[in-house]
Every structure is written in C-alpha cells, then in structure tokens.
Amino acid sequence: MTIHNNALYAEVGNRVRHQVQVGLERAERFYPRLCTVIDSTQDSENYDWLGAFPEVYEWLGDMVFDQLASAEFQIRNKDWANGIRLPKKKIDDGNSGYFTRMGEGLVEMFARHPDKVLFQLMAAAETIECFDGQFFFDTDHVWGDSGVQSNLLTIDVSDPTKPTTEELLDAVTQVLLNMLTYKNDRGEPFVFPTAHDFSDLVITCSPNLWPIFDKAFQAKLVLETNAAGTAGAAVDKFTLTRPEIIPLVQYTGNQFDVYRTGQSIKPFVFQDRQAITMFTKNYDDPEEKDVKVGGNGRYNLGVLAWWLANRVKLV
C-alpha cells in the first residue's frame, strides 16, 4: 500500500530546516578573526574609504576639512546555495536518526563555507589584486606618499623544510620590524611609537612548520626598536605574547603568514549581503519521491589591508 502522508513529510522537512537554521546561528566560524565584517546593502561594495585620516593640527587660521584618498576598489557579492533530499520512503519507515545526521551535515557544509573561501583566498593572495593595484602579498606597494613597501619577504634558513625554532623566531622578528615601518598614503606611520604588546597576531603556516612554531613560542618574544623601526637602542619595546598558530593544508610550500587582527580594520573583508535562508519544498507533491531542504545566501570575501599581513618564504 502506498503511503502519502503530506503532514508527516512537511513535519520532518521543517524539523530538518529548523535544525539547520539553529545550527548555523550557533556555529563558530574562523573568518571574523581575520575579516572586517561589512553589512552589505547592494550587489557590490566600493572601498573608497581606505585613505588615511588627516592628522590633528593646531588651529590658527581657518579650519581645514580634508578628503580621504579614494581607492578604485570594488568587491561583488556572490550567490551560494546547497540542499539535500529527504527520501519520503524513509520518512514512511520512521527513520528519524537518518534525518538528524543529514541536518548536521548540512549545518557543517554551510557553516564552514566562508572559512573555506577565506583559506583559499589566503593561499592565493600573491595573485589577488588589492586596492593599490598590487597583489595583496607583494614587494612594491605604493600609495600616495607611502613610498615603496613590501609585505612579501624571503628569508634564508638552514633547511627550509625544517628550520630551527631560533630561525623561525628570527623570521617573525624580521616581520614585526617590517610592519613597524609601514606608512600610509599621507606618509605617516601606521604604528605610533609607544610601548605595548603584540597580542593580536595570528600565524598561518604549512603543516610541516606548525610543530616547530608551537615549540618556538613557549616564551614571550621581546622586540626592542629605535625610532627608525630597526633593531637597536631601545626607544620602543614590543612584547609578543604567544600568537595563535594555525596550520593550513592549503599552504604546500615552506611559507608562513603573519596577520595583525586587533586594529580598526582587518586584513580581509567579509561582505554579508544575505545570511543563509533555509526552505522546504515538495512535501505535498505526490510525483516527487523526496522532500527537498535547502538554503541560499549572498556574500563574498576579499583582500583589504595588506599592511596588516606579511608572507615569509623560507629558502
């Protein structure tokens, strides 16, 4: 006897849909650590506000109202979707555990997708153009009065596949010294001369470097610089507390990246146009063997603040 229980099909489909929706609301994601989250309101977003703000000046004559340097940089949102089929015959047979597992799987696929896109973006960042017309990781970033600046370093070590902990610490020191010299489009330093901690660092690396990094950062790293931002007589003292170290399978070479995440903006951007919206259909169509549960959203990720990131290639 054929069973057509539309109410039961609808109940199971809606239960799975609700399970996915709740799971997505509770899911922990990585991308907010490295991404400025923008509430997107249109098909694409323009990032023409990246120019440096003017310095405060002594007010002697007429007040001056300056304008930020404009960047011709745009990121377009993309449509994303996923869905599963719930066989009606399994609903007829009362196989409830089957549908719970399918819902959990759909939650995982949707929840981790922005992180997957981000990791792919990070791995390919040497070939992705950012707002100044250079690749995100490049040796000749120039904008306005910044001068030529590099966030792509090549460092010699004894064995690129297995550097010593001391070599990795020296490499990170070179990265931090490099970051302290960066200037904005007005020729002003991004980092003000003051004593503070580097407590916002994230290091992503190839899996073979991860255990060495883990061992290297058992103690704090103290970096002393002079006014020029080079190692020497201590004018500023920066203490690097243990960074977050993340191995990524997308990194196949002997390389690692260092990111700063505690600034007003972050190295990458996540454009949130539409959160994943779930739906259920076909539960009342006798010609369909399956109940369909799916969802779709609109968002995209892109590169943003290159000066908050450095890539090191070990040779």
C-alpha atoms as a PDB file:
ATOM      1  CA  MET A   1       0.000   0.000   0.000  1.00  0.00           C
ATOM      2  CA  THR A   2       1.416   3.440  -0.948  1.00  0.00           C
ATOM      3  CA  ILE A   3       1.535   5.947   1.853  1.00  0.00           C
ATOM      4  CA  HIS A   4       1.184   9.665   1.127  1.00  0.00           C
ATOM      5  CA  ASN A   5       1.410  11.450   4.478  1.00  0.00           C
ATOM      6  CA  ASN A   6       1.908  15.056   3.486  1.00  0.00           C
ATOM      7  CA  ALA A   7       1.633  16.325   7.053  1.00  0.00           C
ATOM      8  CA  LEU A   8       4.384  13.958   8.207  1.00  0.00           C
ATOM      9  CA  TYR A   9       6.591  14.861   5.239  1.00  0.00           C
ATOM     10  CA  ALA A  10       6.143  18.555   5.997  1.00  0.00           C
ATOM     11  CA  GLU A  11       6.873  18.000   9.708  1.00  0.00           C
ATOM     12  CA  VAL A  12      10.131  16.132   9.023  1.00  0.00           C
ATOM     13  CA  GLY A  13      11.247  18.608   6.361  1.00  0.00           C
ATOM     14  CA  ASN A  14      10.534  21.596   8.585  1.00  0.00           C
ATOM     15  CA  ARG A  15      12.281  19.902  11.519  1.00  0.00           C
ATOM     16  CA  VAL A  16      15.453  19.458   9.476  1.00  0.00           C
ATOM     17  CA  ARG A  17      15.175  23.017   8.153  1.00  0.00           C
ATOM     18  CA  HIS A  18      14.837  24.351  11.695  1.00  0.00           C
ATOM     19  CA  GLN A  19      17.743  22.177  12.848  1.00  0.00           C
ATOM     20  CA  VAL A  20      19.985  23.673  10.173  1.00  0.00           C
ATOM     21  CA  GLN A  21      18.862  27.244  10.890  1.00  0.00           C
ATOM     22  CA  VAL A  22      19.520  26.890  14.629  1.00  0.00           C
ATOM     23  CA  GLY A  23      22.826  25.138  13.973  1.00  0.00           C
ATOM     24  CA  LEU A  24      24.002  27.984  11.769  1.00  0.00           C
ATOM     25  CA  GLU A  25      23.113  30.556  14.421  1.00  0.00           C
ATOM     26  CA  ARG A  26      25.215  28.677  16.987  1.00  0.00           C
ATOM     27  CA  ALA A  27      28.127  27.708  14.740  1.00  0.00           C
ATOM     28  CA  GLU A  28      31.595  29.074  15.495  1.00  0.00           C
ATOM     29  CA  ARG A  29      33.419  30.459  12.488  1.00  0.00           C
ATOM     30  CA  PHE A  30      37.014  31.483  11.936  1.00  0.00           C
ATOM     31  CA  TYR A  31      36.638  34.265   9.378  1.00  0.00           C
ATOM     32  CA  PRO A  32      35.666  37.042  11.870  1.00  0.00           C
ATOM     33  CA  ARG A  33      39.182  36.744  13.322  1.00  0.00           C
ATOM     34  CA  LEU A  34      40.814  37.918  10.089  1.00  0.00           C
ATOM     35  CA  CYS A  35      37.956  39.729   8.355  1.00  0.00           C
ATOM     36  CA  THR A  36      36.308  43.097   8.771  1.00  0.00           C
ATOM     37  CA  VAL A  37      32.610  42.258   8.511  1.00  0.00           C
ATOM     38  CA  ILE A  38      30.661  44.659   6.291  1.00  0.00           C
ATOM     39  CA  ASP A  39      26.866  44.730   6.272  1.00  0.00           C
ATOM     40  CA  SER A  40      26.450  44.816   2.515  1.00  0.00           C
ATOM     41  CA  THR A  41      23.329  46.525   1.151  1.00  0.00           C
ATOM     42  CA  GLN A  42      23.788  46.060  -2.586  1.00  0.00           C
ATOM     43  CA  ASP A  43      25.174  43.816  -5.285  1.00  0.00           C
ATOM     44  CA  SER A  44      28.723  45.096  -4.787  1.00  0.00           C
ATOM     45  CA  GLU A  45      30.567  47.348  -2.345  1.00  0.00           C
ATOM     46  CA  ASN A  46      33.107  50.095  -3.033  1.00  0.00           C
ATOM     47  CA  TYR A  47      36.063  50.549  -0.708  1.00  0.00           C
ATOM     48  CA  ASP A  48      36.838  54.192  -1.345  1.00  0.00           C
ATOM     49  CA  TRP A  49      37.335  54.986   2.351  1.00  0.00           C
ATOM     50  CA  LEU A  50      40.730  53.317   2.821  1.00  0.00           C
ATOM     51  CA  GLY A  51      42.756  56.513   2.666  1.00  0.00           C
ATOM     52  CA  ALA A  52      44.372  57.706   5.901  1.00  0.00           C
ATOM     53  CA  PHE A  53      42.582  60.262   8.054  1.00  0.00           C
ATOM     54  CA  PRO A  54      44.335  63.659   8.321  1.00  0.00           C
ATOM     55  CA  GLU A  55      46.422  64.430  11.379  1.00  0.00           C
ATOM     56  CA  VAL A  56      45.151  66.743  14.104  1.00  0.00           C
ATOM     57  CA  TYR A  57      46.678  70.230  13.646  1.00  0.00           C
ATOM     58  CA  GLU A  58      46.981  73.429  15.658  1.00  0.00           C
ATOM     59  CA  TRP A  59      44.039  75.639  14.742  1.00  0.00           C
ATOM     60  CA  LEU A  60      45.468  79.049  13.907  1.00  0.00           C
ATOM     61  CA  GLY A  61      43.588  80.229  10.816  1.00  0.00           C
ATOM     62  CA  ASP A  62      40.575  78.889   9.001  1.00  0.00           C
ATOM     63  CA  MET A  63      39.650  75.297   9.812  1.00  0.00           C
ATOM     64  CA  VAL A  64      40.752  72.835   7.119  1.00  0.00           C
ATOM     65  CA  PHE A  65      38.497  69.999   6.012  1.00  0.00           C
ATOM     66  CA  ASP A  66      40.464  67.366   4.152  1.00  0.00           C
ATOM     67  CA  GLN A  67      39.313  64.484   1.983  1.00  0.00           C
ATOM     68  CA  LEU A  68      40.360  60.847   2.193  1.00  0.00           C
ATOM     69  CA  ALA A  69      42.297  59.404  -0.723  1.00  0.00           C
ATOM     70  CA  SER A  70      39.911  57.334  -2.827  1.00  0.00           C
ATOM     71  CA  ALA A  71      40.647  53.780  -3.897  1.00  0.00           C
ATOM     72  CA  GLU A  72      39.023  52.381  -7.021  1.00  0.00           C
ATOM     73  CA  PHE A  73      38.319  49.043  -5.424  1.00  0.00           C
ATOM     74  CA  GLN A  74      35.126  47.016  -5.532  1.00  0.00           C
ATOM     75  CA  ILE A  75      34.046  43.559  -4.359  1.00  0.00           C
ATOM     76  CA  ARG A  76      30.947  41.953  -5.842  1.00  0.00           C
ATOM     77  CA  ASN A  77      28.759  39.639  -3.800  1.00  0.00           C
ATOM     78  CA  LYS A  78      28.193  36.056  -4.914  1.00  0.00           C
ATOM     79  CA  ASP A  79      25.211  33.726  -4.600  1.00  0.00           C
ATOM     80  CA  TRP A  80      25.753  30.461  -2.696  1.00  0.00           C
ATOM     81  CA  ALA A  81      23.389  27.510  -2.254  1.00  0.00           C
ATOM     82  CA  ASN A  82      23.223  23.934  -1.003  1.00  0.00           C
ATOM     83  CA  GLY A  83      20.486  21.407  -0.318  1.00  0.00           C
ATOM     84  CA  ILE A  84      19.684  17.767   0.384  1.00  0.00           C
ATOM     85  CA  ARG A  85      16.896  15.309  -0.450  1.00  0.00           C
ATOM     86  CA  LEU A  86      14.976  13.507   2.284  1.00  0.00           C
ATOM     87  CA  PRO A  87      13.550  10.266   0.822  1.00  0.00           C
ATOM     88  CA  LYS A  88       9.844  10.018   1.618  1.00  0.00           C
ATOM     89  CA  LYS A  89      10.054   6.242   1.963  1.00  0.00           C
ATOM     90  CA  LYS A  90      12.498   6.689   4.863  1.00  0.00           C
ATOM     91  CA  ILE A  91      10.040   9.113   6.451  1.00  0.00           C
ATOM     92  CA  ASP A  92       7.335   6.465   5.993  1.00  0.00           C
ATOM     93  CA  ASP A  93       9.617   3.939   7.707  1.00  0.00           C
ATOM     94  CA  GLY A  94      10.190   6.230  10.709  1.00  0.00           C
ATOM     95  CA  ASN A  95      13.961   6.525  10.271  1.00  0.00           C
ATOM     96  CA  SER A  96      14.355   9.717  12.331  1.00  0.00           C
ATOM     97  CA  GLY A  97      18.064   9.310  13.126  1.00  0.00           C
ATOM     98  CA  TYR A  98      18.847   9.381   9.424  1.00  0.00           C
ATOM     99  CA  PHE A  99      17.393  12.855   9.055  1.00  0.00           C
ATOM    100  CA  THR A 100      19.178  14.200  12.143  1.00  0.00           C
ATOM    101  CA  ARG A 101      22.538  13.200  10.671  1.00  0.00           C
ATOM    102  CA  MET A 102      21.672  14.763   7.311  1.00  0.00           C
ATOM    103  CA  GLY A 103      20.760  18.029   9.021  1.00  0.00           C
ATOM    104  CA  GLU A 104      24.033  18.040  10.943  1.00  0.00           C
ATOM    105  CA  GLY A 105      25.942  17.539   7.712  1.00  0.00           C
ATOM    106  CA  LEU A 106      24.187  20.445   6.014  1.00  0.00           C
ATOM    107  CA  VAL A 107      24.937  22.690   9.002  1.00  0.00           C
ATOM    108  CA  GLU A 108      28.621  21.825   8.708  1.00  0.00           C
ATOM    109  CA  MET A 109      28.749  22.494   4.963  1.00  0.00           C
ATOM    110  CA  PHE A 110      27.057  25.885   5.232  1.00  0.00           C
ATOM    111  CA  ALA A 111      28.879  26.982   8.397  1.00  0.00           C
ATOM    112  CA  ARG A 112      32.380  26.238   7.207  1.00  0.00           C
ATOM    113  CA  HIS A 113      31.968  27.560   3.661  1.00  0.00           C
ATOM    114  CA  PRO A 114      33.043  31.188   4.368  1.00  0.00           C
ATOM    115  CA  ASP A 115      36.144  29.851   6.142  1.00  0.00           C
ATOM    116  CA  LYS A 116      36.871  27.605   3.157  1.00  0.00           C
ATOM    117  CA  VAL A 117      36.650  30.599   0.808  1.00  0.00           C
ATOM    118  CA  LEU A 118      38.896  32.605   3.155  1.00  0.00           C
ATOM    119  CA  PHE A 119      41.579  29.900   3.304  1.00  0.00           C
ATOM    120  CA  GLN A 120      41.591  29.657  -0.494  1.00  0.00           C
ATOM    121  CA  LEU A 121      41.878  33.442  -0.660  1.00  0.00           C
ATOM    122  CA  MET A 122      44.795  33.461   1.773  1.00  0.00           C
ATOM    123  CA  ALA A 123      46.675  30.737  -0.077  1.00  0.00           C
ATOM    124  CA  ALA A 124      46.329  32.585  -3.411  1.00  0.00           C
ATOM    125  CA  ALA A 125      46.887  36.104  -2.042  1.00  0.00           C
ATOM    126  CA  GLU A 126      50.102  36.580  -4.045  1.00  0.00           C
ATOM    127  CA  THR A 127      47.962  36.621  -7.194  1.00  0.00           C
ATOM    128  CA  ILE A 128      44.968  38.650  -5.953  1.00  0.00           C
ATOM    129  CA  GLU A 129      44.975  42.379  -6.581  1.00  0.00           C
ATOM    130  CA  CYS A 130      44.148  44.740  -3.739  1.00  0.00           C
ATOM    131  CA  PHE A 131      43.121  48.394  -3.644  1.00  0.00           C
ATOM    132  CA  ASP A 132      46.537  49.872  -4.552  1.00  0.00           C
ATOM    133  CA  GLY A 133      46.761  47.865  -7.778  1.00  0.00           C
ATOM    134  CA  GLN A 134      49.380  45.472  -6.389  1.00  0.00           C
ATOM    135  CA  PHE A 135      48.893  41.885  -5.328  1.00  0.00           C
ATOM    136  CA  PHE A 136      47.946  41.501  -1.668  1.00  0.00           C
ATOM    137  CA  PHE A 137      51.361  39.989  -0.879  1.00  0.00           C
ATOM    138  CA  ASP A 138      53.834  41.987  -2.949  1.00  0.00           C
ATOM    139  CA  THR A 139      57.223  43.677  -2.809  1.00  0.00           C
ATOM    140  CA  ASP A 140      56.231  47.094  -4.151  1.00  0.00           C
ATOM    141  CA  HIS A 141      53.115  48.500  -2.525  1.00  0.00           C
ATOM    142  CA  VAL A 142      52.860  52.240  -3.193  1.00  0.00           C
ATOM    143  CA  TRP A 143      50.002  54.637  -2.470  1.00  0.00           C
ATOM    144  CA  GLY A 144      50.223  58.404  -2.191  1.00  0.00           C
ATOM    145  CA  ASP A 145      53.241  59.411  -0.093  1.00  0.00           C
ATOM    146  CA  SER A 146      53.838  55.963   1.400  1.00  0.00           C
ATOM    147  CA  GLY A 147      56.976  55.138  -0.563  1.00  0.00           C
ATOM    148  CA  VAL A 148      57.675  51.603  -1.800  1.00  0.00           C
ATOM    149  CA  GLN A 149      56.858  48.976   0.820  1.00  0.00           C
ATOM    150  CA  SER A 150      56.942  45.183   0.865  1.00  0.00           C
ATOM    151  CA  ASN A 151      54.926  42.582   2.763  1.00  0.00           C
ATOM    152  CA  LEU A 152      56.466  39.621   0.917  1.00  0.00           C
ATOM    153  CA  LEU A 153      59.754  38.538   2.485  1.00  0.00           C
ATOM    154  CA  THR A 154      62.282  35.857   1.514  1.00  0.00           C
ATOM    155  CA  ILE A 155      64.434  34.639   4.407  1.00  0.00           C
ATOM    156  CA  ASP A 156      67.388  32.230   4.337  1.00  0.00           C
ATOM    157  CA  VAL A 157      67.392  29.353   6.823  1.00  0.00           C
ATOM    158  CA  SER A 158      69.483  26.222   7.225  1.00  0.00           C
ATOM    159  CA  ASP A 159      66.742  23.876   5.985  1.00  0.00           C
ATOM    160  CA  PRO A 160      63.516  25.382   4.539  1.00  0.00           C
ATOM    161  CA  THR A 161      61.582  22.163   5.234  1.00  0.00           C
ATOM    162  CA  LYS A 162      62.723  22.026   8.854  1.00  0.00           C
ATOM    163  CA  PRO A 163      64.041  25.342  10.200  1.00  0.00           C
ATOM    164  CA  THR A 164      65.146  25.625  13.804  1.00  0.00           C
ATOM    165  CA  THR A 165      62.992  27.343  16.406  1.00  0.00           C
ATOM    166  CA  GLU A 166      65.586  30.113  16.616  1.00  0.00           C
ATOM    167  CA  GLU A 167      65.370  30.683  12.854  1.00  0.00           C
ATOM    168  CA  LEU A 168      61.584  30.917  12.985  1.00  0.00           C
ATOM    169  CA  LEU A 169      61.723  33.404  15.863  1.00  0.00           C
ATOM    170  CA  ASP A 170      64.263  35.475  13.941  1.00  0.00           C
ATOM    171  CA  ALA A 171      61.987  35.383  10.893  1.00  0.00           C
ATOM    172  CA  VAL A 172      58.986  36.572  12.920  1.00  0.00           C
ATOM    173  CA  THR A 173      61.159  39.329  14.393  1.00  0.00           C
ATOM    174  CA  GLN A 174      62.004  40.499  10.875  1.00  0.00           C
ATOM    175  CA  VAL A 175      58.292  40.515  10.038  1.00  0.00           C
ATOM    176  CA  LEU A 176      57.408  42.645  13.058  1.00  0.00           C
ATOM    177  CA  LEU A 177      60.234  45.074  12.367  1.00  0.00           C
ATOM    178  CA  ASN A 178      58.952  45.337   8.816  1.00  0.00           C
ATOM    179  CA  MET A 179      55.394  46.017   9.986  1.00  0.00           C
ATOM    180  CA  LEU A 180      56.598  48.813  12.270  1.00  0.00           C
ATOM    181  CA  THR A 181      57.987  50.747   9.288  1.00  0.00           C
ATOM    182  CA  TYR A 182      54.791  50.847   7.204  1.00  0.00           C
ATOM    183  CA  LYS A 183      53.432  54.258   6.252  1.00  0.00           C
ATOM    184  CA  ASN A 184      50.002  55.282   4.976  1.00  0.00           C
ATOM    185  CA  ASP A 185      49.200  57.343   1.873  1.00  0.00           C
ATOM    186  CA  ARG A 186      49.996  60.548   3.798  1.00  0.00           C
ATOM    187  CA  GLY A 187      53.475  59.310   4.655  1.00  0.00           C
ATOM    188  CA  GLU A 188      52.586  58.812   8.329  1.00  0.00           C
ATOM    189  CA  PRO A 189      53.448  55.591  10.193  1.00  0.00           C
ATOM    190  CA  PHE A 190      50.622  53.143  10.834  1.00  0.00           C
ATOM    191  CA  VAL A 191      52.144  52.302  14.239  1.00  0.00           C
ATOM    192  CA  PHE A 192      52.656  55.109  16.737  1.00  0.00           C
ATOM    193  CA  PRO A 193      55.898  54.953  18.768  1.00  0.00           C
ATOM    194  CA  THR A 194      54.860  53.582  22.115  1.00  0.00           C
ATOM    195  CA  ALA A 195      55.499  50.565  24.275  1.00  0.00           C
ATOM    196  CA  HIS A 196      52.840  47.889  24.004  1.00  0.00           C
ATOM    197  CA  ASP A 197      52.249  44.211  23.325  1.00  0.00           C
ATOM    198  CA  PHE A 198      51.796  42.421  20.057  1.00  0.00           C
ATOM    199  CA  SER A 199      48.878  40.456  21.423  1.00  0.00           C
ATOM    200  CA  ASP A 200      46.802  40.236  18.268  1.00  0.00           C
ATOM    201  CA  LEU A 201      48.973  38.096  15.998  1.00  0.00           C
ATOM    202  CA  VAL A 202      47.746  35.098  14.024  1.00  0.00           C
ATOM    203  CA  ILE A 203      50.302  32.951  12.209  1.00  0.00           C
ATOM    204  CA  THR A 204      49.172  30.605   9.464  1.00  0.00           C
ATOM    205  CA  CYS A 205      51.689  28.124   8.163  1.00  0.00           C
ATOM    206  CA  SER A 206      52.206  24.944   6.183  1.00  0.00           C
ATOM    207  CA  PRO A 207      51.578  21.812   8.292  1.00  0.00           C
ATOM    208  CA  ASN A 208      55.274  20.887   8.408  1.00  0.00           C
ATOM    209  CA  LEU A 209      56.091  24.194  10.143  1.00  0.00           C
ATOM    210  CA  TRP A 210      53.312  24.009  12.731  1.00  0.00           C
ATOM    211  CA  PRO A 211      55.074  21.835  15.388  1.00  0.00           C
ATOM    212  CA  ILE A 212      58.203  23.996  15.124  1.00  0.00           C
ATOM    213  CA  PHE A 213      56.213  27.181  15.614  1.00  0.00           C
ATOM    214  CA  ASP A 214      54.380  25.572  18.532  1.00  0.00           C
ATOM    215  CA  LYS A 215      57.698  24.804  20.193  1.00  0.00           C
ATOM    216  CA  ALA A 216      59.251  28.168  19.359  1.00  0.00           C
ATOM    217  CA  PHE A 217      56.631  30.237  21.166  1.00  0.00           C
ATOM    218  CA  GLN A 218      56.884  28.692  24.590  1.00  0.00           C
ATOM    219  CA  ALA A 219      58.214  32.020  25.894  1.00  0.00           C
ATOM    220  CA  LYS A 220      57.491  35.656  25.108  1.00  0.00           C
ATOM    221  CA  LEU A 221      59.465  37.403  22.382  1.00  0.00           C
ATOM    222  CA  VAL A 222      60.668  40.905  23.311  1.00  0.00           C
ATOM    223  CA  LEU A 223      61.458  43.224  20.421  1.00  0.00           C
ATOM    224  CA  GLU A 224      63.337  46.493  21.002  1.00  0.00           C
ATOM    225  CA  THR A 225      63.486  49.107  18.267  1.00  0.00           C
ATOM    226  CA  ASN A 226      64.810  52.590  17.767  1.00  0.00           C
ATOM    227  CA  ALA A 227      62.923  55.465  16.183  1.00  0.00           C
ATOM    228  CA  ALA A 228      63.626  54.131  12.682  1.00  0.00           C
ATOM    229  CA  GLY A 229      61.888  50.872  13.500  1.00  0.00           C
ATOM    230  CA  THR A 230      65.043  48.783  13.347  1.00  0.00           C
ATOM    231  CA  ALA A 231      66.650  46.581  15.970  1.00  0.00           C
ATOM    232  CA  GLY A 232      68.985  48.616  18.145  1.00  0.00           C
ATOM    233  CA  ALA A 233      68.947  51.064  21.002  1.00  0.00           C
ATOM    234  CA  ALA A 234      65.667  50.644  22.811  1.00  0.00           C
ATOM    235  CA  VAL A 235      63.286  53.511  22.295  1.00  0.00           C
ATOM    236  CA  ASP A 236      60.202  51.332  21.961  1.00  0.00           C
ATOM    237  CA  LYS A 237      59.794  47.873  23.427  1.00  0.00           C
ATOM    238  CA  PHE A 238      57.236  45.494  21.926  1.00  0.00           C
ATOM    239  CA  THR A 239      56.444  42.217  23.634  1.00  0.00           C
ATOM    240  CA  LEU A 240      54.998  39.462  21.508  1.00  0.00           C
ATOM    241  CA  THR A 241      52.737  37.212  23.541  1.00  0.00           C
ATOM    242  CA  ARG A 242      52.101  33.743  22.176  1.00  0.00           C
ATOM    243  CA  PRO A 243      50.332  34.129  18.811  1.00  0.00           C
ATOM    244  CA  GLU A 244      47.621  31.860  17.530  1.00  0.00           C
ATOM    245  CA  ILE A 245      49.293  29.337  15.213  1.00  0.00           C
ATOM    246  CA  ILE A 246      47.127  27.676  12.574  1.00  0.00           C
ATOM    247  CA  PRO A 247      48.327  25.009  10.124  1.00  0.00           C
ATOM    248  CA  LEU A 248      46.591  25.130   6.745  1.00  0.00           C
ATOM    249  CA  VAL A 249      46.689  22.296   4.240  1.00  0.00           C
ATOM    250  CA  GLN A 250      46.242  24.915   1.510  1.00  0.00           C
ATOM    251  CA  TYR A 251      49.835  26.010   2.209  1.00  0.00           C
ATOM    252  CA  THR A 252      52.024  23.489   0.419  1.00  0.00           C
ATOM    253  CA  GLY A 253      55.319  25.359   0.393  1.00  0.00           C
ATOM    254  CA  ASN A 254      57.763  26.356   3.101  1.00  0.00           C
ATOM    255  CA  GLN A 255      55.955  29.564   3.919  1.00  0.00           C
ATOM    256  CA  PHE A 256      54.021  31.245   6.683  1.00  0.00           C
ATOM    257  CA  ASP A 257      51.901  34.370   7.064  1.00  0.00           C
ATOM    258  CA  VAL A 258      51.689  36.777   9.985  1.00  0.00           C
ATOM    259  CA  TYR A 259      48.472  38.756  10.494  1.00  0.00           C
ATOM    260  CA  ARG A 260      47.553  41.542  12.901  1.00  0.00           C
ATOM    261  CA  THR A 261      43.896  41.378  13.945  1.00  0.00           C
ATOM    262  CA  GLY A 262      43.432  43.999  16.676  1.00  0.00           C
ATOM    263  CA  GLN A 263      43.237  47.138  14.538  1.00  0.00           C
ATOM    264  CA  SER A 264      40.158  49.111  13.491  1.00  0.00           C
ATOM    265  CA  ILE A 265      40.097  47.109  10.255  1.00  0.00           C
ATOM    266  CA  LYS A 266      41.438  43.639   9.500  1.00  0.00           C
ATOM    267  CA  PRO A 267      43.486  42.147   6.653  1.00  0.00           C
ATOM    268  CA  PHE A 268      40.479  40.694   4.804  1.00  0.00           C
ATOM    269  CA  VAL A 269      36.825  41.623   4.397  1.00  0.00           C
ATOM    270  CA  PHE A 270      33.610  39.606   4.604  1.00  0.00           C
ATOM    271  CA  GLN A 271      30.662  41.196   2.806  1.00  0.00           C
ATOM    272  CA  ASP A 272      27.468  39.977   4.438  1.00  0.00           C
ATOM    273  CA  ARG A 273      24.646  40.686   1.980  1.00  0.00           C
ATOM    274  CA  GLN A 274      22.201  37.906   2.937  1.00  0.00           C
ATOM    275  CA  ALA A 275      22.552  35.251   5.604  1.00  0.00           C
ATOM    276  CA  ILE A 276      21.747  31.665   4.668  1.00  0.00           C
ATOM    277  CA  THR A 277      17.965  31.327   4.377  1.00  0.00           C
ATOM    278  CA  MET A 278      16.504  27.810   4.560  1.00  0.00           C
ATOM    279  CA  PHE A 279      13.430  26.430   2.785  1.00  0.00           C
ATOM    280  CA  THR A 280      11.448  23.180   2.433  1.00  0.00           C
ATOM    281  CA  LYS A 281       9.574  22.023  -0.668  1.00  0.00           C
ATOM    282  CA  ASN A 282       7.991  19.017  -2.461  1.00  0.00           C
ATOM    283  CA  TYR A 283       6.458  17.536   0.703  1.00  0.00           C
ATOM    284  CA  ASP A 284       2.964  17.803  -0.823  1.00  0.00           C
ATOM    285  CA  ASP A 285       3.802  16.707  -4.394  1.00  0.00           C
ATOM    286  CA  PRO A 286       2.877  13.027  -4.918  1.00  0.00           C
ATOM    287  CA  GLU A 287       5.057  12.869  -8.036  1.00  0.00           C
ATOM    288  CA  GLU A 288       8.204  13.655  -6.029  1.00  0.00           C
ATOM    289  CA  LYS A 289       9.952  10.887  -4.104  1.00  0.00           C
ATOM    290  CA  ASP A 290      11.893  13.270  -1.890  1.00  0.00           C
ATOM    291  CA  VAL A 291      11.362  16.255   0.355  1.00  0.00           C
ATOM    292  CA  LYS A 292      13.873  18.954  -0.522  1.00  0.00           C
ATOM    293  CA  VAL A 293      15.559  21.012   2.199  1.00  0.00           C
ATOM    294  CA  GLY A 294      17.941  23.725   1.067  1.00  0.00           C
ATOM    295  CA  GLY A 295      19.224  27.195   1.606  1.00  0.00           C
ATOM    296  CA  ASN A 296      20.890  30.075  -0.133  1.00  0.00           C
ATOM    297  CA  GLY A 297      22.787  33.213   0.799  1.00  0.00           C
ATOM    298  CA  ARG A 298      24.720  36.110  -0.683  1.00  0.00           C
ATOM    299  CA  TYR A 299      28.169  37.137   0.495  1.00  0.00           C
ATOM    300  CA  ASN A 300      31.776  37.333  -0.594  1.00  0.00           C
ATOM    301  CA  LEU A 301      35.256  37.712   0.820  1.00  0.00           C
ATOM    302  CA  GLY A 302      38.185  39.768  -0.409  1.00  0.00           C
ATOM    303  CA  VAL A 303      41.575  41.230   0.456  1.00  0.00           C
ATOM    304  CA  LEU A 304      41.658  44.551   2.279  1.00  0.00           C
ATOM    305  CA  ALA A 305      44.507  45.876   4.473  1.00  0.00           C
ATOM    306  CA  TRP A 306      47.802  44.463   3.186  1.00  0.00           C
ATOM    307  CA  TRP A 307      49.843  46.325   5.824  1.00  0.00           C
ATOM    308  CA  LEU A 308      48.355  44.063   8.486  1.00  0.00           C
ATOM    309  CA  ALA A 309      49.796  40.966   6.824  1.00  0.00           C
ATOM    310  CA  ASN A 310      53.226  39.606   5.893  1.00  0.00           C
ATOM    311  CA  ARG A 311      54.148  36.471   3.988  1.00  0.00           C
ATOM    312  CA  VAL A 312      57.513  34.820   4.540  1.00  0.00           C
ATOM    313  CA  LYS A 313      59.079  32.326   2.150  1.00  0.00           C
ATOM    314  CA  LEU A 314      61.871  30.254   3.657  1.00  0.00           C
ATOM    315  CA  VAL A 315      64.743  29.385   1.328  1.00  0.00           C
END
